Amino acid sequence: MWLWLALLSAILLGFYDIAKKKALSKNGPLEVLLAATAISTLLLSPCFFIYSGPWEHHLMLIGKAVLVSASWVSGMIALKLLPITTVSTLKASRPFIVLLLSILIYGERLSALQYLGVALALVAVVLITRTGKSGDRAADRRGYIAIAISILTGVASALYDKHIMASMEPLFVQSRTNLYITAILAVWVAARWLRSRQPRTAVCDSGDSTHRSAPGLLFRPDWWLPVTALLITGADMAYFFALGQEGSLLSVISIMRRASVIVTFVFGVIIFKEKKLGGKFAALGFLVAALVCLMLG
């Protein structure tokens, strides 16, 4: 059952990435994340009255919320700067890093076929970084730094999940983590909004005279925001329930969830009309081959 839940989570994650990309056309990364997590928290609010835990569990989930917030914000920044096919394919390398760290931290062992899968995934990452450039070197550099931060914090969060799910209910973890992420993002957005209200001066065309620049609108209503919230709520719910089932394997679930790249890649081509896909198709092929090797292994 947990494999099917992982597959469902992957499909929903793929459409979530598409919805995020659409939502970013009207709002900034922080605003999209704040709105999506706030709506998701509202959807999960009945769980606050059903599930509870000691303060130690809440502290652990606050730590998880910090990791997830860092991963999401940096991932959204990368999505703003790089093509969606580039970001989604690079993010697909995350479970392979989880696998390698599982060997070091949890003492897991891979078969020869699984090691081949890791090697194929690394080839895919090299290919995608060569074919995913936008032409703006500064934007590319910032985008790749952002996606690297997103991947590393996402890996830390996934490894942490294996630890916390041993003693907590899935809906307790999801609802409280969403609440704490919403609080973190709200503080972040509020601080940025306060900075934007500080008077700034700009030089006029007529000479050295200056004028005060007005702060811009930080948020615009968009129906893609509730769609994004619904998709991530469903994807995370399937993930936590899969991880909480007896006999489930974090490494396999992480790999299964990265099958979302197929959804984002296909719709990235159809909806966003992205170009220069030859190398990306090759990278996707290597990732699919890596997935098969790891599953069979």
Protein backbone atom coordinates (compact mmCIF):
# COMPACT_ATOMS: atom_id res chain seq x y z
CA MET A 1 0.00 0.00 0.00
CA TRP A 2 2.79 2.43 0.86
CA LEU A 3 4.23 2.12 -2.65
CA TRP A 4 0.92 3.22 -4.16
CA LEU A 5 0.76 6.12 -1.72
CA ALA A 6 4.28 7.12 -2.76
CA LEU A 7 3.24 6.99 -6.42
CA LEU A 8 0.16 9.13 -5.71
CA SER A 9 2.38 11.62 -3.89
CA ALA A 10 4.69 11.75 -6.93
CA ILE A 11 1.84 12.50 -9.34
CA LEU A 12 0.45 15.25 -7.11
CA LEU A 13 3.94 16.72 -6.67
CA GLY A 14 4.35 16.94 -10.42
CA PHE A 15 1.15 18.96 -10.82
CA TYR A 16 2.13 20.99 -7.74
CA ASP A 17 5.31 22.12 -9.52
CA ILE A 18 3.23 23.19 -12.53
CA ALA A 19 0.82 25.14 -10.31
CA LYS A 20 3.74 26.83 -8.51
CA LYS A 21 5.24 27.95 -11.80
CA LYS A 22 1.91 29.45 -12.87
CA ALA A 23 1.42 31.14 -9.48
CA LEU A 24 4.86 32.75 -9.73
CA SER A 25 3.72 34.78 -12.74
CA LYS A 26 1.70 37.09 -10.44
CA ASN A 27 3.43 36.83 -7.06
CA GLY A 28 6.89 36.42 -5.64
CA PRO A 29 8.23 33.13 -4.25
CA LEU A 30 7.64 34.03 -0.59
CA GLU A 31 4.09 35.21 -1.20
CA VAL A 32 3.20 32.04 -3.12
CA LEU A 33 4.65 29.82 -0.40
CA LEU A 34 2.98 31.75 2.41
CA ALA A 35 -0.43 31.67 0.73
CA ALA A 36 -0.15 27.97 -0.15
CA THR A 37 0.97 26.88 3.33
CA ALA A 38 -1.60 29.08 5.05
CA ILE A 39 -4.42 27.57 2.98
CA SER A 40 -3.01 24.08 3.57
CA THR A 41 -2.87 24.77 7.33
CA LEU A 42 -6.50 25.88 7.23
CA LEU A 43 -7.47 22.67 5.44
CA LEU A 44 -5.67 20.61 8.09
CA SER A 45 -6.87 22.69 11.07
CA PRO A 46 -9.33 19.99 12.33
CA CYS A 47 -6.25 17.88 13.09
CA PHE A 48 -5.27 20.39 15.78
CA PHE A 49 -8.20 19.14 17.90
CA ILE A 50 -7.65 15.45 17.14
CA TYR A 51 -3.90 14.96 17.50
CA SER A 52 -1.57 16.35 20.14
CA GLY A 53 1.89 15.65 21.46
CA PRO A 54 4.44 16.64 24.12
CA TRP A 55 6.43 19.87 23.78
CA GLU A 56 9.50 17.88 22.69
CA HIS A 57 7.62 16.77 19.57
CA HIS A 58 6.65 20.35 18.80
CA LEU A 59 10.29 21.44 19.08
CA MET A 60 11.29 18.68 16.68
CA LEU A 61 8.64 19.81 14.21
CA ILE A 62 9.77 23.43 14.46
CA GLY A 63 13.22 22.22 13.43
CA LYS A 64 11.67 20.39 10.50
CA ALA A 65 9.71 23.52 9.58
CA VAL A 66 12.95 25.52 9.38
CA LEU A 67 14.49 22.95 7.02
CA VAL A 68 11.38 22.77 4.85
CA SER A 69 11.05 26.57 4.70
CA ALA A 70 14.66 26.94 3.58
CA SER A 71 14.21 24.22 0.96
CA TRP A 72 10.93 25.65 -0.37
CA VAL A 73 12.07 29.28 -0.53
CA SER A 74 15.34 28.46 -2.29
CA GLY A 75 13.50 26.08 -4.61
CA MET A 76 10.98 28.78 -5.54
CA ILE A 77 13.79 31.25 -6.22
CA ALA A 78 15.39 28.68 -8.51
CA LEU A 79 12.04 28.12 -10.24
CA LYS A 80 11.83 31.88 -10.85
CA LEU A 81 15.32 32.03 -12.39
CA LEU A 82 15.61 28.71 -14.26
CA PRO A 83 13.37 26.71 -16.64
CA ILE A 84 10.97 24.35 -14.89
CA THR A 85 12.42 21.35 -16.75
CA THR A 86 15.88 22.24 -15.38
CA VAL A 87 14.68 22.67 -11.80
CA SER A 88 12.48 19.56 -11.77
CA THR A 89 15.21 17.36 -13.21
CA LEU A 90 17.86 18.65 -10.79
CA LYS A 91 15.45 18.10 -7.89
CA ALA A 92 15.09 14.53 -9.08
CA SER A 93 18.68 13.93 -7.92
CA ARG A 94 17.65 14.45 -4.27
CA PRO A 95 16.61 10.86 -3.46
CA PHE A 96 19.93 9.57 -4.73
CA ILE A 97 21.71 11.82 -2.24
CA VAL A 98 19.33 10.49 0.43
CA LEU A 99 20.39 6.98 -0.54
CA LEU A 100 24.08 7.77 -0.23
CA LEU A 101 23.62 9.45 3.15
CA SER A 102 21.45 6.56 4.33
CA ILE A 103 24.48 4.33 3.81
CA LEU A 104 26.58 6.57 6.05
CA ILE A 105 23.99 7.50 8.69
CA TYR A 106 21.66 4.49 8.90
CA GLY A 107 24.06 1.79 7.72
CA GLU A 108 21.98 0.84 4.67
CA ARG A 109 23.70 -1.10 1.90
CA LEU A 110 23.14 -0.93 -1.85
CA SER A 111 23.45 -3.68 -4.39
CA ALA A 112 25.66 -3.36 -7.46
CA LEU A 113 22.58 -2.49 -9.54
CA GLN A 114 21.65 0.29 -7.13
CA TYR A 115 25.15 1.74 -7.28
CA LEU A 116 24.75 1.78 -11.06
CA GLY A 117 21.52 3.73 -10.55
CA VAL A 118 23.32 6.34 -8.46
CA ALA A 119 25.99 6.70 -11.16
CA LEU A 120 23.32 7.17 -13.86
CA ALA A 121 21.64 9.84 -11.74
CA LEU A 122 24.92 11.74 -11.44
CA VAL A 123 25.32 11.63 -15.23
CA ALA A 124 21.81 13.08 -15.54
CA VAL A 125 22.70 15.96 -13.21
CA VAL A 126 25.80 16.79 -15.27
CA LEU A 127 23.76 16.75 -18.49
CA ILE A 128 21.01 18.98 -17.16
CA THR A 129 23.41 21.62 -15.83
CA ARG A 130 24.94 21.82 -19.31
CA THR A 131 21.61 22.12 -21.13
CA GLY A 132 19.53 24.14 -18.67
CA LYS A 133 21.20 27.56 -18.96
CA SER A 134 18.94 30.50 -19.71
CA GLY A 135 21.59 32.72 -21.30
CA ASP A 136 21.75 35.11 -18.33
CA ARG A 137 24.92 34.10 -16.49
CA ALA A 138 24.07 35.98 -13.30
CA ALA A 139 20.56 34.50 -13.17
CA ASP A 140 21.90 31.03 -13.95
CA ARG A 141 24.45 31.30 -11.17
CA ARG A 142 21.89 32.47 -8.62
CA GLY A 143 19.44 29.83 -9.81
CA TYR A 144 21.91 26.98 -9.43
CA ILE A 145 23.02 28.19 -5.99
CA ALA A 146 19.35 28.35 -4.94
CA ILE A 147 18.54 24.86 -6.22
CA ALA A 148 21.66 23.47 -4.48
CA ILE A 149 20.46 24.91 -1.15
CA SER A 150 16.98 23.56 -1.83
CA ILE A 151 18.30 20.06 -2.51
CA LEU A 152 20.60 19.93 0.53
CA THR A 153 17.98 21.18 3.00
CA GLY A 154 15.41 18.87 1.39
CA VAL A 155 17.74 15.91 1.90
CA ALA A 156 18.22 16.88 5.56
CA SER A 157 14.44 17.11 5.98
CA ALA A 158 13.88 13.68 4.39
CA LEU A 159 16.45 12.02 6.65
CA TYR A 160 14.86 13.77 9.63
CA ASP A 161 11.43 12.45 8.60
CA LYS A 162 12.57 8.88 9.10
CA HIS A 163 13.46 9.72 12.68
CA ILE A 164 10.33 11.65 13.68
CA MET A 165 7.81 9.35 12.00
CA ALA A 166 8.85 6.54 14.36
CA SER A 167 7.04 8.28 17.24
CA MET A 168 4.42 10.63 15.70
CA GLU A 169 1.13 10.37 13.82
CA PRO A 170 1.28 11.39 10.11
CA LEU A 171 -1.46 14.03 10.34
CA PHE A 172 0.04 15.44 13.54
CA VAL A 173 3.37 15.89 11.74
CA GLN A 174 1.78 17.39 8.62
CA SER A 175 -0.63 19.78 10.35
CA ARG A 176 1.80 21.14 12.94
CA THR A 177 4.69 21.40 10.50
CA ASN A 178 2.48 23.37 8.10
CA LEU A 179 1.46 25.66 10.96
CA TYR A 180 5.08 26.37 11.92
CA ILE A 181 6.12 26.86 8.28
CA THR A 182 3.29 29.38 7.87
CA ALA A 183 4.51 31.27 10.95
CA ILE A 184 8.12 31.33 9.69
CA LEU A 185 7.10 32.55 6.22
CA ALA A 186 4.71 35.15 7.68
CA VAL A 187 7.53 36.67 9.75
CA TRP A 188 9.82 36.60 6.71
CA VAL A 189 7.26 38.29 4.44
CA ALA A 190 6.34 40.85 7.12
CA ALA A 191 10.00 41.79 7.62
CA ARG A 192 10.46 42.25 3.88
CA TRP A 193 7.27 44.31 3.68
CA LEU A 194 8.48 46.59 6.46
CA ARG A 195 11.78 47.10 4.64
CA SER A 196 9.91 47.94 1.44
CA ARG A 197 8.04 50.72 3.25
CA GLN A 198 11.28 52.48 4.12
CA PRO A 199 11.62 55.59 1.95
CA ARG A 200 13.99 55.12 -0.93
CA THR A 201 15.33 57.84 -3.20
CA ALA A 202 15.76 57.72 -6.93
CA VAL A 203 17.45 60.17 -9.29
CA CYS A 204 15.13 61.96 -11.69
CA ASP A 205 15.91 62.37 -15.38
CA SER A 206 16.05 66.14 -15.00
CA GLY A 207 19.12 66.16 -12.80
CA ASP A 208 20.15 65.34 -9.27
CA SER A 209 16.77 65.92 -7.64
CA THR A 210 15.26 62.94 -5.86
CA HIS A 211 11.85 61.58 -5.01
CA ARG A 212 10.53 58.99 -2.58
CA SER A 213 9.67 55.67 -4.21
CA ALA A 214 6.43 54.06 -3.05
CA PRO A 215 6.47 50.47 -1.85
CA GLY A 216 5.01 48.07 -4.36
CA LEU A 217 2.14 45.67 -3.82
CA LEU A 218 3.52 42.44 -2.39
CA PHE A 219 0.53 40.17 -3.01
CA ARG A 220 -1.97 39.73 -5.83
CA PRO A 221 -4.96 37.37 -5.59
CA ASP A 222 -4.62 34.39 -7.90
CA TRP A 223 -6.74 31.24 -8.21
CA TRP A 224 -3.55 29.21 -8.76
CA LEU A 225 -2.74 29.70 -5.05
CA PRO A 226 -5.55 27.48 -3.66
CA VAL A 227 -4.82 24.95 -6.41
CA THR A 228 -1.17 24.87 -5.30
CA ALA A 229 -2.26 24.44 -1.67
CA LEU A 230 -4.61 21.55 -2.46
CA LEU A 231 -1.94 19.73 -4.47
CA ILE A 232 0.81 20.04 -1.86
CA THR A 233 -1.61 19.04 0.93
CA GLY A 234 -2.54 15.86 -0.92
CA ALA A 235 1.06 15.09 -1.89
CA ASP A 236 2.36 15.51 1.66
CA MET A 237 -0.53 13.56 3.17
CA ALA A 238 0.17 10.59 0.89
CA TYR A 239 3.89 10.87 1.70
CA PHE A 240 3.49 10.92 5.50
CA PHE A 241 1.00 8.06 5.48
CA ALA A 242 3.34 6.02 3.25
CA LEU A 243 6.31 6.74 5.51
CA GLY A 244 4.29 5.90 8.63
CA GLN A 245 3.31 2.41 7.43
CA GLU A 246 5.14 -0.61 8.78
CA GLY A 247 7.84 -1.88 6.47
CA SER A 248 8.03 1.31 4.39
CA LEU A 249 11.46 2.36 3.14
CA LEU A 250 12.48 6.03 3.06
CA SER A 251 14.94 5.47 0.22
CA VAL A 252 12.32 3.84 -2.02
CA ILE A 253 9.64 6.42 -1.17
CA SER A 254 12.07 9.26 -1.92
CA ILE A 255 12.87 7.74 -5.30
CA MET A 256 9.22 7.11 -6.11
CA ARG A 257 8.32 10.72 -5.33
CA ARG A 258 10.90 11.95 -7.80
CA ALA A 259 8.83 10.34 -10.56
CA SER A 260 7.03 13.71 -10.38
CA VAL A 261 9.71 14.95 -12.77
CA ILE A 262 7.93 13.11 -15.58
CA VAL A 263 4.74 15.14 -14.99
CA THR A 264 6.58 18.47 -14.71
CA PHE A 265 8.78 17.72 -17.73
CA VAL A 266 5.87 16.82 -20.01
CA PHE A 267 3.69 19.74 -18.94
CA GLY A 268 6.68 22.08 -18.95
CA VAL A 269 7.03 21.33 -22.65
CA ILE A 270 3.30 21.54 -23.41
CA ILE A 271 2.26 24.52 -21.24
CA PHE A 272 5.40 26.64 -21.04
CA LYS A 273 6.73 25.84 -24.55
CA GLU A 274 10.27 25.38 -23.28
CA LYS A 275 13.03 24.87 -25.83
CA LYS A 276 16.46 23.19 -26.00
CA LEU A 277 15.08 19.88 -24.83
CA GLY A 278 17.49 17.44 -26.48
CA GLY A 279 19.92 17.24 -23.58
CA LYS A 280 17.05 17.33 -21.07
CA PHE A 281 15.39 14.34 -22.72
CA ALA A 282 18.71 12.51 -22.43
CA ALA A 283 18.99 13.51 -18.75
CA LEU A 284 15.43 12.35 -18.11
CA GLY A 285 16.28 9.05 -19.78
CA PHE A 286 19.24 8.58 -17.46
CA LEU A 287 17.03 9.37 -14.46
CA VAL A 288 14.39 6.85 -15.52
CA ALA A 289 17.13 4.24 -16.00
CA ALA A 290 18.51 5.10 -12.56
CA LEU A 291 15.04 4.72 -11.05
CA VAL A 292 14.62 1.28 -12.64
CA CYS A 293 18.05 0.15 -11.41
CA LEU A 294 17.35 1.30 -7.86
CA MET A 295 13.89 -0.29 -7.75
CA LEU A 296 15.13 -3.60 -9.17
CA GLY A 297 18.18 -3.53 -6.93
